[in-house]
Amino acid sequence: MLTRFAPSPTGDLHLGHAYSAVLAHAAARAAGGKFLIRIDDIDGSRSREAYVGASLADLAWLGLDWDGEPLRQSARRGDYAAALDRLRARGLVYPCFCTRADIAASLSAPHGPSGAIYPGTCRDLAAAERERRMVAQPHCWRLDTAGAVALVGDLAWEEQGQGPRPADPLAHGDIVLARKDAPASYHLASTLDDAMLGVSHVIRGADLIAATDVHRLLQALLDLPTPVYRHHPLVCGADGQRLAKRDAAASLASLRAAGIDGRALAGDLLGQRLPTGYSLRMP
């Protein structure tokens, strides 16, 4: 078994991150496997080096050890570009010049699991217009999801303890694979990284269940292995909402500063015993 924890260095880790990391670490160690760290620092505008060190310090405070050096997504830009080129060569991606405001203003933009579904405005632009606009306008790259699904057919993935479940990537519309300000989206980078690392079991929050449908499609298109997935409940605050990095009171740094024993906290989280005011819920 090989599991991973993948913090984004855009803020302090909180109890929700700790719960996910503890579960992934415990699963690997119980099976005599490996536990890896991946630093999701592909977002150059928001990632901060200080948060890399802080995240690793938080994990060590929890008593978690990891195998090898942490992988940095920022070092894998060439691999993401190569995967995008493979999809481009098959006519499965296209440049999109729309802004978020353009999409929000479109009356033909229904909502799916990830929010507003892209209405396909740029999908059928003439080749000459695409080339002209690519020179002058910022653009992302979107997957032609319907075209991709037509190539691979029905897909499924395994939720640990529940068996196979059908994937529905069409519900997400034409997702972004490379952003205007980053060489890869979360979907593309995470899927490629898990395959490269040999991750056998992806253990992550239940808010990413729907995203797994997209990742399964990318695995099929790029001939990548499919890990087993385990989506766990989310740590929520007193208001019933899942924690975010802005929730300073739940940050591991604040808990450490308050004198909390990190190893004891990790044991409590593994036993689903949360500090007062916090709870585990499925979205």
C-alpha atoms as a PDB file:
ATOM      1  CA  MET A   1       0.000   0.000   0.000  1.00  0.00           C
ATOM      2  CA  LEU A   2       1.197   3.481  -0.858  1.00  0.00           C
ATOM      3  CA  THR A   3      -0.728   6.539   0.321  1.00  0.00           C
ATOM      4  CA  ARG A   4      -0.019  10.256   0.217  1.00  0.00           C
ATOM      5  CA  PHE A   5      -0.962  13.559   1.786  1.00  0.00           C
ATOM      6  CA  ALA A   6      -0.880  16.628  -0.458  1.00  0.00           C
ATOM      7  CA  PRO A   7      -0.967  20.012   1.305  1.00  0.00           C
ATOM      8  CA  SER A   8      -1.184  23.256  -0.674  1.00  0.00           C
ATOM      9  CA  PRO A   9       1.211  25.860   0.795  1.00  0.00           C
ATOM     10  CA  THR A  10      -1.341  28.657   0.709  1.00  0.00           C
ATOM     11  CA  GLY A  11      -2.106  28.824   4.427  1.00  0.00           C
ATOM     12  CA  ASP A  12      -1.856  26.971   7.729  1.00  0.00           C
ATOM     13  CA  LEU A  13      -3.040  23.384   8.009  1.00  0.00           C
ATOM     14  CA  HIS A  14      -6.114  22.834  10.181  1.00  0.00           C
ATOM     15  CA  LEU A  15      -7.848  19.933  11.921  1.00  0.00           C
ATOM     16  CA  GLY A  16      -9.405  18.755   8.659  1.00  0.00           C
ATOM     17  CA  HIS A  17      -5.991  18.407   7.056  1.00  0.00           C
ATOM     18  CA  ALA A  18      -4.715  16.626  10.135  1.00  0.00           C
ATOM     19  CA  TYR A  19      -7.566  14.107  10.005  1.00  0.00           C
ATOM     20  CA  SER A  20      -6.855  13.268   6.365  1.00  0.00           C
ATOM     21  CA  ALA A  21      -3.106  12.978   6.936  1.00  0.00           C
ATOM     22  CA  VAL A  22      -3.528  10.790  10.018  1.00  0.00           C
ATOM     23  CA  LEU A  23      -5.842   8.390   8.165  1.00  0.00           C
ATOM     24  CA  ALA A  24      -3.506   8.094   5.170  1.00  0.00           C
ATOM     25  CA  HIS A  25      -0.463   7.596   7.393  1.00  0.00           C
ATOM     26  CA  ALA A  26      -2.161   4.971   9.573  1.00  0.00           C
ATOM     27  CA  ALA A  27      -3.422   3.004   6.561  1.00  0.00           C
ATOM     28  CA  ALA A  28       0.043   2.819   5.022  1.00  0.00           C
ATOM     29  CA  ARG A  29       1.832   1.915   8.214  1.00  0.00           C
ATOM     30  CA  ALA A  30      -0.736  -0.747   9.185  1.00  0.00           C
ATOM     31  CA  ALA A  31      -0.171  -2.450   5.835  1.00  0.00           C
ATOM     32  CA  GLY A  32       3.615  -2.155   5.987  1.00  0.00           C
ATOM     33  CA  GLY A  33       3.473   0.288   3.090  1.00  0.00           C
ATOM     34  CA  LYS A  34       4.707   3.782   2.337  1.00  0.00           C
ATOM     35  CA  PHE A  35       3.359   7.230   3.150  1.00  0.00           C
ATOM     36  CA  LEU A  36       4.423  10.082   0.867  1.00  0.00           C
ATOM     37  CA  ILE A  37       4.117  13.868   0.966  1.00  0.00           C
ATOM     38  CA  ARG A  38       3.304  15.899  -2.140  1.00  0.00           C
ATOM     39  CA  ILE A  39       3.490  19.691  -2.003  1.00  0.00           C
ATOM     40  CA  ASP A  40       0.796  21.119  -4.280  1.00  0.00           C
ATOM     41  CA  ASP A  41       2.631  24.354  -5.083  1.00  0.00           C
ATOM     42  CA  ILE A  42       1.600  24.662  -8.730  1.00  0.00           C
ATOM     43  CA  ASP A  43      -0.222  27.928  -7.974  1.00  0.00           C
ATOM     44  CA  GLY A  44       2.703  30.314  -8.074  1.00  0.00           C
ATOM     45  CA  SER A  45       0.584  33.341  -7.230  1.00  0.00           C
ATOM     46  CA  ARG A  46      -0.675  31.955  -3.915  1.00  0.00           C
ATOM     47  CA  SER A  47       1.925  29.415  -2.761  1.00  0.00           C
ATOM     48  CA  ARG A  48       4.351  30.551  -0.091  1.00  0.00           C
ATOM     49  CA  GLU A  49       7.571  28.769   0.880  1.00  0.00           C
ATOM     50  CA  ALA A  50       6.941  29.556   4.537  1.00  0.00           C
ATOM     51  CA  TYR A  51       3.833  27.397   4.458  1.00  0.00           C
ATOM     52  CA  VAL A  52       5.821  24.448   3.085  1.00  0.00           C
ATOM     53  CA  GLY A  53       8.008  24.398   6.170  1.00  0.00           C
ATOM     54  CA  ALA A  54       5.034  25.063   8.432  1.00  0.00           C
ATOM     55  CA  SER A  55       3.079  22.135   6.957  1.00  0.00           C
ATOM     56  CA  LEU A  56       5.962  19.712   7.408  1.00  0.00           C
ATOM     57  CA  ALA A  57       6.444  20.955  10.984  1.00  0.00           C
ATOM     58  CA  ASP A  58       2.746  20.379  11.687  1.00  0.00           C
ATOM     59  CA  LEU A  59       2.939  16.801  10.393  1.00  0.00           C
ATOM     60  CA  ALA A  60       6.019  16.090  12.494  1.00  0.00           C
ATOM     61  CA  TRP A  61       4.238  17.562  15.546  1.00  0.00           C
ATOM     62  CA  LEU A  62       1.425  15.067  14.933  1.00  0.00           C
ATOM     63  CA  GLY A  63       4.013  12.288  15.039  1.00  0.00           C
ATOM     64  CA  LEU A  64       3.697  11.441  11.348  1.00  0.00           C
ATOM     65  CA  ASP A  65       6.767  10.345   9.421  1.00  0.00           C
ATOM     66  CA  TRP A  66       7.000  10.034   5.649  1.00  0.00           C
ATOM     67  CA  ASP A  67       9.083   8.129   3.137  1.00  0.00           C
ATOM     68  CA  GLY A  68      11.548   9.996   0.938  1.00  0.00           C
ATOM     69  CA  GLU A  69      11.651  13.673   0.088  1.00  0.00           C
ATOM     70  CA  PRO A  70       8.363  15.474  -0.518  1.00  0.00           C
ATOM     71  CA  LEU A  71       7.462  15.822  -4.191  1.00  0.00           C
ATOM     72  CA  ARG A  72       6.825  19.350  -5.435  1.00  0.00           C
ATOM     73  CA  GLN A  73       4.337  19.912  -8.215  1.00  0.00           C
ATOM     74  CA  SER A  74       6.297  22.976  -9.309  1.00  0.00           C
ATOM     75  CA  ALA A  75       9.078  20.608 -10.435  1.00  0.00           C
ATOM     76  CA  ARG A  76       6.742  18.671 -12.731  1.00  0.00           C
ATOM     77  CA  ARG A  77       5.604  21.360 -15.134  1.00  0.00           C
ATOM     78  CA  GLY A  78       7.153  19.520 -18.079  1.00  0.00           C
ATOM     79  CA  ASP A  79       5.174  16.363 -17.312  1.00  0.00           C
ATOM     80  CA  TYR A  80       1.902  18.299 -17.180  1.00  0.00           C
ATOM     81  CA  ALA A  81       2.706  20.008 -20.489  1.00  0.00           C
ATOM     82  CA  ALA A  82       3.502  16.650 -22.098  1.00  0.00           C
ATOM     83  CA  ALA A  83       0.188  15.170 -20.986  1.00  0.00           C
ATOM     84  CA  LEU A  84      -1.668  18.210 -22.286  1.00  0.00           C
ATOM     85  CA  ASP A  85       0.158  17.846 -25.618  1.00  0.00           C
ATOM     86  CA  ARG A  86      -1.000  14.228 -25.873  1.00  0.00           C
ATOM     87  CA  LEU A  87      -4.606  15.274 -25.395  1.00  0.00           C
ATOM     88  CA  ARG A  88      -4.199  18.216 -27.773  1.00  0.00           C
ATOM     89  CA  ALA A  89      -2.834  15.912 -30.460  1.00  0.00           C
ATOM     90  CA  ARG A  90      -6.028  13.857 -30.209  1.00  0.00           C
ATOM     91  CA  GLY A  91      -8.215  16.931 -30.526  1.00  0.00           C
ATOM     92  CA  LEU A  92      -9.540  16.555 -26.985  1.00  0.00           C
ATOM     93  CA  VAL A  93      -8.633  19.971 -25.583  1.00  0.00           C
ATOM     94  CA  TYR A  94      -9.299  23.488 -26.787  1.00  0.00           C
ATOM     95  CA  PRO A  95      -8.319  27.022 -25.739  1.00  0.00           C
ATOM     96  CA  CYS A  96     -10.944  28.959 -23.795  1.00  0.00           C
ATOM     97  CA  PHE A  97     -10.884  32.754 -23.617  1.00  0.00           C
ATOM     98  CA  CYS A  98     -13.916  33.231 -21.360  1.00  0.00           C
ATOM     99  CA  THR A  99     -13.652  34.907 -17.980  1.00  0.00           C
ATOM    100  CA  ARG A 100     -15.518  33.764 -14.887  1.00  0.00           C
ATOM    101  CA  ALA A 101     -17.824  36.732 -15.357  1.00  0.00           C
ATOM    102  CA  ASP A 102     -18.563  35.613 -18.913  1.00  0.00           C
ATOM    103  CA  ILE A 103     -19.538  32.157 -17.712  1.00  0.00           C
ATOM    104  CA  ALA A 104     -21.595  33.438 -14.779  1.00  0.00           C
ATOM    105  CA  ALA A 105     -23.488  35.781 -17.108  1.00  0.00           C
ATOM    106  CA  SER A 106     -24.363  33.017 -19.530  1.00  0.00           C
ATOM    107  CA  LEU A 107     -27.979  31.931 -19.261  1.00  0.00           C
ATOM    108  CA  SER A 108     -26.968  28.535 -20.616  1.00  0.00           C
ATOM    109  CA  ALA A 109     -24.605  27.692 -17.763  1.00  0.00           C
ATOM    110  CA  PRO A 110     -26.313  25.101 -15.520  1.00  0.00           C
ATOM    111  CA  HIS A 111     -24.713  23.937 -12.296  1.00  0.00           C
ATOM    112  CA  GLY A 112     -23.032  20.606 -11.703  1.00  0.00           C
ATOM    113  CA  PRO A 113     -21.015  19.013  -8.871  1.00  0.00           C
ATOM    114  CA  SER A 114     -18.224  21.591  -9.235  1.00  0.00           C
ATOM    115  CA  GLY A 115     -20.385  24.684  -9.763  1.00  0.00           C
ATOM    116  CA  ALA A 116     -21.350  26.377 -12.988  1.00  0.00           C
ATOM    117  CA  ILE A 117     -20.878  24.122 -16.014  1.00  0.00           C
ATOM    118  CA  TYR A 118     -19.023  25.771 -18.845  1.00  0.00           C
ATOM    119  CA  PRO A 119     -21.520  26.415 -21.691  1.00  0.00           C
ATOM    120  CA  GLY A 120     -19.035  25.533 -24.434  1.00  0.00           C
ATOM    121  CA  THR A 121     -18.696  29.043 -25.849  1.00  0.00           C
ATOM    122  CA  CYS A 122     -15.164  28.481 -27.221  1.00  0.00           C
ATOM    123  CA  ARG A 123     -15.511  24.809 -28.114  1.00  0.00           C
ATOM    124  CA  ASP A 124     -16.501  25.353 -31.729  1.00  0.00           C
ATOM    125  CA  LEU A 125     -14.448  28.433 -32.623  1.00  0.00           C
ATOM    126  CA  ALA A 126     -12.914  28.280 -36.079  1.00  0.00           C
ATOM    127  CA  ALA A 127      -9.246  27.291 -36.131  1.00  0.00           C
ATOM    128  CA  ALA A 128      -8.197  30.655 -37.585  1.00  0.00           C
ATOM    129  CA  GLU A 129      -9.995  32.573 -34.859  1.00  0.00           C
ATOM    130  CA  ARG A 130      -8.465  30.376 -32.177  1.00  0.00           C
ATOM    131  CA  GLU A 131      -4.958  31.021 -33.488  1.00  0.00           C
ATOM    132  CA  ARG A 132      -5.547  34.753 -33.710  1.00  0.00           C
ATOM    133  CA  ARG A 133      -6.958  35.056 -30.231  1.00  0.00           C
ATOM    134  CA  MET A 134      -4.323  32.797 -28.635  1.00  0.00           C
ATOM    135  CA  VAL A 135      -1.656  35.325 -29.614  1.00  0.00           C
ATOM    136  CA  ALA A 136      -3.418  38.265 -28.009  1.00  0.00           C
ATOM    137  CA  GLN A 137      -5.646  36.915 -25.216  1.00  0.00           C
ATOM    138  CA  PRO A 138      -5.037  34.966 -22.007  1.00  0.00           C
ATOM    139  CA  HIS A 139      -6.604  31.532 -22.214  1.00  0.00           C
ATOM    140  CA  CYS A 140      -6.964  28.275 -20.366  1.00  0.00           C
ATOM    141  CA  TRP A 141      -7.233  24.807 -21.905  1.00  0.00           C
ATOM    142  CA  ARG A 142     -10.426  22.820 -21.481  1.00  0.00           C
ATOM    143  CA  LEU A 143     -11.162  19.160 -22.017  1.00  0.00           C
ATOM    144  CA  ASP A 144     -13.838  18.295 -24.552  1.00  0.00           C
ATOM    145  CA  THR A 145     -15.482  16.017 -22.039  1.00  0.00           C
ATOM    146  CA  ALA A 146     -18.199  14.652 -24.312  1.00  0.00           C
ATOM    147  CA  GLY A 147     -15.629  13.820 -26.974  1.00  0.00           C
ATOM    148  CA  ALA A 148     -13.404  12.153 -24.387  1.00  0.00           C
ATOM    149  CA  VAL A 149     -16.220  10.054 -22.923  1.00  0.00           C
ATOM    150  CA  ALA A 150     -17.217   8.952 -26.442  1.00  0.00           C
ATOM    151  CA  LEU A 151     -13.706   7.524 -26.858  1.00  0.00           C
ATOM    152  CA  VAL A 152     -13.436   5.615 -23.580  1.00  0.00           C
ATOM    153  CA  GLY A 153     -17.039   4.585 -22.918  1.00  0.00           C
ATOM    154  CA  ASP A 154     -18.404   3.768 -19.471  1.00  0.00           C
ATOM    155  CA  LEU A 155     -16.043   4.160 -16.534  1.00  0.00           C
ATOM    156  CA  ALA A 156     -16.053   3.155 -12.885  1.00  0.00           C
ATOM    157  CA  TRP A 157     -13.815   3.474  -9.844  1.00  0.00           C
ATOM    158  CA  GLU A 158     -13.675   1.629  -6.522  1.00  0.00           C
ATOM    159  CA  GLU A 159     -14.629   3.225  -3.228  1.00  0.00           C
ATOM    160  CA  GLN A 160     -12.937   1.176  -0.507  1.00  0.00           C
ATOM    161  CA  GLY A 161     -15.436  -0.999   1.321  1.00  0.00           C
ATOM    162  CA  GLN A 162     -18.253  -0.095  -1.066  1.00  0.00           C
ATOM    163  CA  GLY A 163     -17.159  -1.621  -4.349  1.00  0.00           C
ATOM    164  CA  PRO A 164     -17.287  -0.099  -7.826  1.00  0.00           C
ATOM    165  CA  ARG A 165     -19.285   3.021  -8.549  1.00  0.00           C
ATOM    166  CA  PRO A 166     -19.972   4.459 -12.014  1.00  0.00           C
ATOM    167  CA  ALA A 167     -18.176   7.624 -13.040  1.00  0.00           C
ATOM    168  CA  ASP A 168     -20.124  10.556 -14.471  1.00  0.00           C
ATOM    169  CA  PRO A 169     -17.564  13.038 -15.846  1.00  0.00           C
ATOM    170  CA  LEU A 170     -20.186  14.571 -18.156  1.00  0.00           C
ATOM    171  CA  ALA A 171     -21.816  16.144 -15.093  1.00  0.00           C
ATOM    172  CA  HIS A 172     -18.768  18.446 -14.815  1.00  0.00           C
ATOM    173  CA  GLY A 173     -18.865  19.742 -18.374  1.00  0.00           C
ATOM    174  CA  ASP A 174     -15.657  20.813 -20.130  1.00  0.00           C
ATOM    175  CA  ILE A 175     -13.288  21.100 -17.189  1.00  0.00           C
ATOM    176  CA  VAL A 176     -10.121  23.211 -17.140  1.00  0.00           C
ATOM    177  CA  LEU A 177      -6.900  21.211 -17.496  1.00  0.00           C
ATOM    178  CA  ALA A 178      -4.456  24.133 -17.690  1.00  0.00           C
ATOM    179  CA  ARG A 179      -5.339  27.484 -16.148  1.00  0.00           C
ATOM    180  CA  LYS A 180      -4.541  30.933 -17.468  1.00  0.00           C
ATOM    181  CA  ASP A 181      -2.181  31.460 -14.528  1.00  0.00           C
ATOM    182  CA  ALA A 182      -0.908  27.922 -13.946  1.00  0.00           C
ATOM    183  CA  PRO A 183       0.387  25.102 -16.198  1.00  0.00           C
ATOM    184  CA  ALA A 184      -2.069  22.541 -14.843  1.00  0.00           C
ATOM    185  CA  SER A 185      -5.334  22.400 -12.947  1.00  0.00           C
ATOM    186  CA  TYR A 186      -5.814  20.366  -9.792  1.00  0.00           C
ATOM    187  CA  HIS A 187      -7.517  17.638 -11.829  1.00  0.00           C
ATOM    188  CA  LEU A 188      -4.661  17.096 -14.258  1.00  0.00           C
ATOM    189  CA  ALA A 189      -1.764  17.583 -11.840  1.00  0.00           C
ATOM    190  CA  SER A 190      -3.162  15.381  -9.075  1.00  0.00           C
ATOM    191  CA  THR A 191      -4.087  12.561 -11.463  1.00  0.00           C
ATOM    192  CA  LEU A 192      -0.648  12.534 -13.067  1.00  0.00           C
ATOM    193  CA  ASP A 193       1.184  12.806  -9.745  1.00  0.00           C
ATOM    194  CA  ASP A 194      -0.680   9.922  -8.133  1.00  0.00           C
ATOM    195  CA  ALA A 195       0.178   7.721 -11.117  1.00  0.00           C
ATOM    196  CA  MET A 196       3.835   8.761 -11.154  1.00  0.00           C
ATOM    197  CA  LEU A 197       4.220   8.134  -7.431  1.00  0.00           C
ATOM    198  CA  GLY A 198       2.512   4.751  -7.657  1.00  0.00           C
ATOM    199  CA  VAL A 199      -0.199   5.690  -5.157  1.00  0.00           C
ATOM    200  CA  SER A 200      -2.337   2.614  -4.568  1.00  0.00           C
ATOM    201  CA  HIS A 201      -4.912   4.160  -2.224  1.00  0.00           C
ATOM    202  CA  VAL A 202      -6.093   7.772  -2.366  1.00  0.00           C
ATOM    203  CA  ILE A 203      -7.479   8.794   1.023  1.00  0.00           C
ATOM    204  CA  ARG A 204      -9.077  12.239   0.974  1.00  0.00           C
ATOM    205  CA  GLY A 205     -12.132  14.247   1.994  1.00  0.00           C
ATOM    206  CA  ALA A 206     -15.612  13.423   0.771  1.00  0.00           C
ATOM    207  CA  ASP A 207     -15.854  16.858  -0.848  1.00  0.00           C
ATOM    208  CA  LEU A 208     -13.713  15.363  -3.646  1.00  0.00           C
ATOM    209  CA  ILE A 209     -15.963  12.403  -4.442  1.00  0.00           C
ATOM    210  CA  ALA A 210     -17.381  14.072  -7.541  1.00  0.00           C
ATOM    211  CA  ALA A 211     -13.907  15.093  -8.728  1.00  0.00           C
ATOM    212  CA  THR A 212     -12.961  11.418  -8.821  1.00  0.00           C
ATOM    213  CA  ASP A 213     -15.214  10.999 -11.857  1.00  0.00           C
ATOM    214  CA  VAL A 214     -13.020  13.484 -13.730  1.00  0.00           C
ATOM    215  CA  HIS A 215      -9.808  11.843 -12.529  1.00  0.00           C
ATOM    216  CA  ARG A 216     -11.054   8.458 -13.692  1.00  0.00           C
ATOM    217  CA  LEU A 217     -11.657   9.884 -17.167  1.00  0.00           C
ATOM    218  CA  LEU A 218      -8.147  11.348 -17.317  1.00  0.00           C
ATOM    219  CA  GLN A 219      -6.680   8.017 -16.210  1.00  0.00           C
ATOM    220  CA  ALA A 220      -8.455   6.280 -19.072  1.00  0.00           C
ATOM    221  CA  LEU A 221      -7.360   8.887 -21.631  1.00  0.00           C
ATOM    222  CA  LEU A 222      -3.711   8.868 -20.517  1.00  0.00           C
ATOM    223  CA  ASP A 223      -3.396   5.112 -19.869  1.00  0.00           C
ATOM    224  CA  LEU A 224      -2.805   5.578 -16.136  1.00  0.00           C
ATOM    225  CA  PRO A 225      -3.577   3.087 -13.352  1.00  0.00           C
ATOM    226  CA  THR A 226      -6.605   3.661 -11.153  1.00  0.00           C
ATOM    227  CA  PRO A 227      -6.035   3.581  -7.387  1.00  0.00           C
ATOM    228  CA  VAL A 228      -8.575   2.546  -4.794  1.00  0.00           C
ATOM    229  CA  TYR A 229     -10.320   5.565  -3.261  1.00  0.00           C
ATOM    230  CA  ARG A 230     -11.452   6.233   0.290  1.00  0.00           C
ATOM    231  CA  HIS A 231     -13.366   9.443   0.889  1.00  0.00           C
ATOM    232  CA  HIS A 232     -13.707  10.311   4.560  1.00  0.00           C
ATOM    233  CA  PRO A 233     -16.105  12.661   6.404  1.00  0.00           C
ATOM    234  CA  LEU A 234     -15.105  16.295   6.736  1.00  0.00           C
ATOM    235  CA  VAL A 235     -14.175  18.045   9.970  1.00  0.00           C
ATOM    236  CA  CYS A 236     -16.749  20.778  10.608  1.00  0.00           C
ATOM    237  CA  GLY A 237     -16.880  23.647  13.054  1.00  0.00           C
ATOM    238  CA  ALA A 238     -19.635  24.627  15.468  1.00  0.00           C
ATOM    239  CA  ASP A 239     -21.580  26.154  12.581  1.00  0.00           C
ATOM    240  CA  GLY A 240     -21.676  22.813  10.786  1.00  0.00           C
ATOM    241  CA  GLN A 241     -19.530  24.094   7.905  1.00  0.00           C
ATOM    242  CA  ARG A 242     -16.355  22.327   6.846  1.00  0.00           C
ATOM    243  CA  LEU A 243     -13.150  23.985   7.970  1.00  0.00           C
ATOM    244  CA  ALA A 244     -11.205  26.344   5.725  1.00  0.00           C
ATOM    245  CA  LYS A 245      -7.723  27.804   6.058  1.00  0.00           C
ATOM    246  CA  ARG A 246      -9.255  31.053   7.296  1.00  0.00           C
ATOM    247  CA  ASP A 247     -10.467  29.233  10.456  1.00  0.00           C
ATOM    248  CA  ALA A 248      -7.534  30.314  12.594  1.00  0.00           C
ATOM    249  CA  ALA A 249      -8.820  28.683  15.784  1.00  0.00           C
ATOM    250  CA  ALA A 250      -8.659  25.256  14.132  1.00  0.00           C
ATOM    251  CA  SER A 251      -5.176  25.705  12.689  1.00  0.00           C
ATOM    252  CA  LEU A 252      -2.593  23.216  13.856  1.00  0.00           C
ATOM    253  CA  ALA A 253      -0.206  26.096  14.532  1.00  0.00           C
ATOM    254  CA  SER A 254      -2.658  27.627  17.009  1.00  0.00           C
ATOM    255  CA  LEU A 255      -3.257  24.273  18.699  1.00  0.00           C
ATOM    256  CA  ARG A 256       0.480  23.695  19.011  1.00  0.00           C
ATOM    257  CA  ALA A 257       0.949  27.186  20.437  1.00  0.00           C
ATOM    258  CA  ALA A 258      -1.767  26.413  23.001  1.00  0.00           C
ATOM    259  CA  GLY A 259       0.304  23.495  24.286  1.00  0.00           C
ATOM    260  CA  ILE A 260      -1.758  20.682  22.765  1.00  0.00           C
ATOM    261  CA  ASP A 261       0.089  17.358  22.489  1.00  0.00           C
ATOM    262  CA  GLY A 262       0.270  16.658  18.748  1.00  0.00           C
ATOM    263  CA  ARG A 263       0.725  12.888  19.027  1.00  0.00           C
ATOM    264  CA  ALA A 264      -2.215  12.636  21.406  1.00  0.00           C
ATOM    265  CA  LEU A 265      -4.315  14.702  19.013  1.00  0.00           C
ATOM    266  CA  ALA A 266      -3.387  12.368  16.147  1.00  0.00           C
ATOM    267  CA  GLY A 267      -4.491   9.387  18.216  1.00  0.00           C
ATOM    268  CA  ASP A 268      -7.765  11.092  19.046  1.00  0.00           C
ATOM    269  CA  LEU A 269      -8.415  11.907  15.392  1.00  0.00           C
ATOM    270  CA  LEU A 270      -7.698   8.320  14.389  1.00  0.00           C
ATOM    271  CA  GLY A 271     -10.339   7.244  16.897  1.00  0.00           C
ATOM    272  CA  GLN A 272     -12.731   9.943  15.616  1.00  0.00           C
ATOM    273  CA  ARG A 273     -12.516  11.845  18.897  1.00  0.00           C
ATOM    274  CA  LEU A 274     -12.492  15.515  17.975  1.00  0.00           C
ATOM    275  CA  PRO A 275     -11.896  18.557  20.182  1.00  0.00           C
ATOM    276  CA  THR A 276     -14.982  20.182  21.662  1.00  0.00           C
ATOM    277  CA  GLY A 277     -16.936  22.146  19.080  1.00  0.00           C
ATOM    278  CA  TYR A 278     -15.874  20.078  16.076  1.00  0.00           C
ATOM    279  CA  SER A 279     -17.601  17.171  14.360  1.00  0.00           C
ATOM    280  CA  LEU A 280     -17.269  14.812  11.393  1.00  0.00           C
ATOM    281  CA  ARG A 281     -19.879  15.065   8.659  1.00  0.00           C
ATOM    282  CA  MET A 282     -20.403  13.881   5.130  1.00  0.00           C
ATOM    283  CA  PRO A 283     -21.190  16.684   2.670  1.00  0.00           C
END
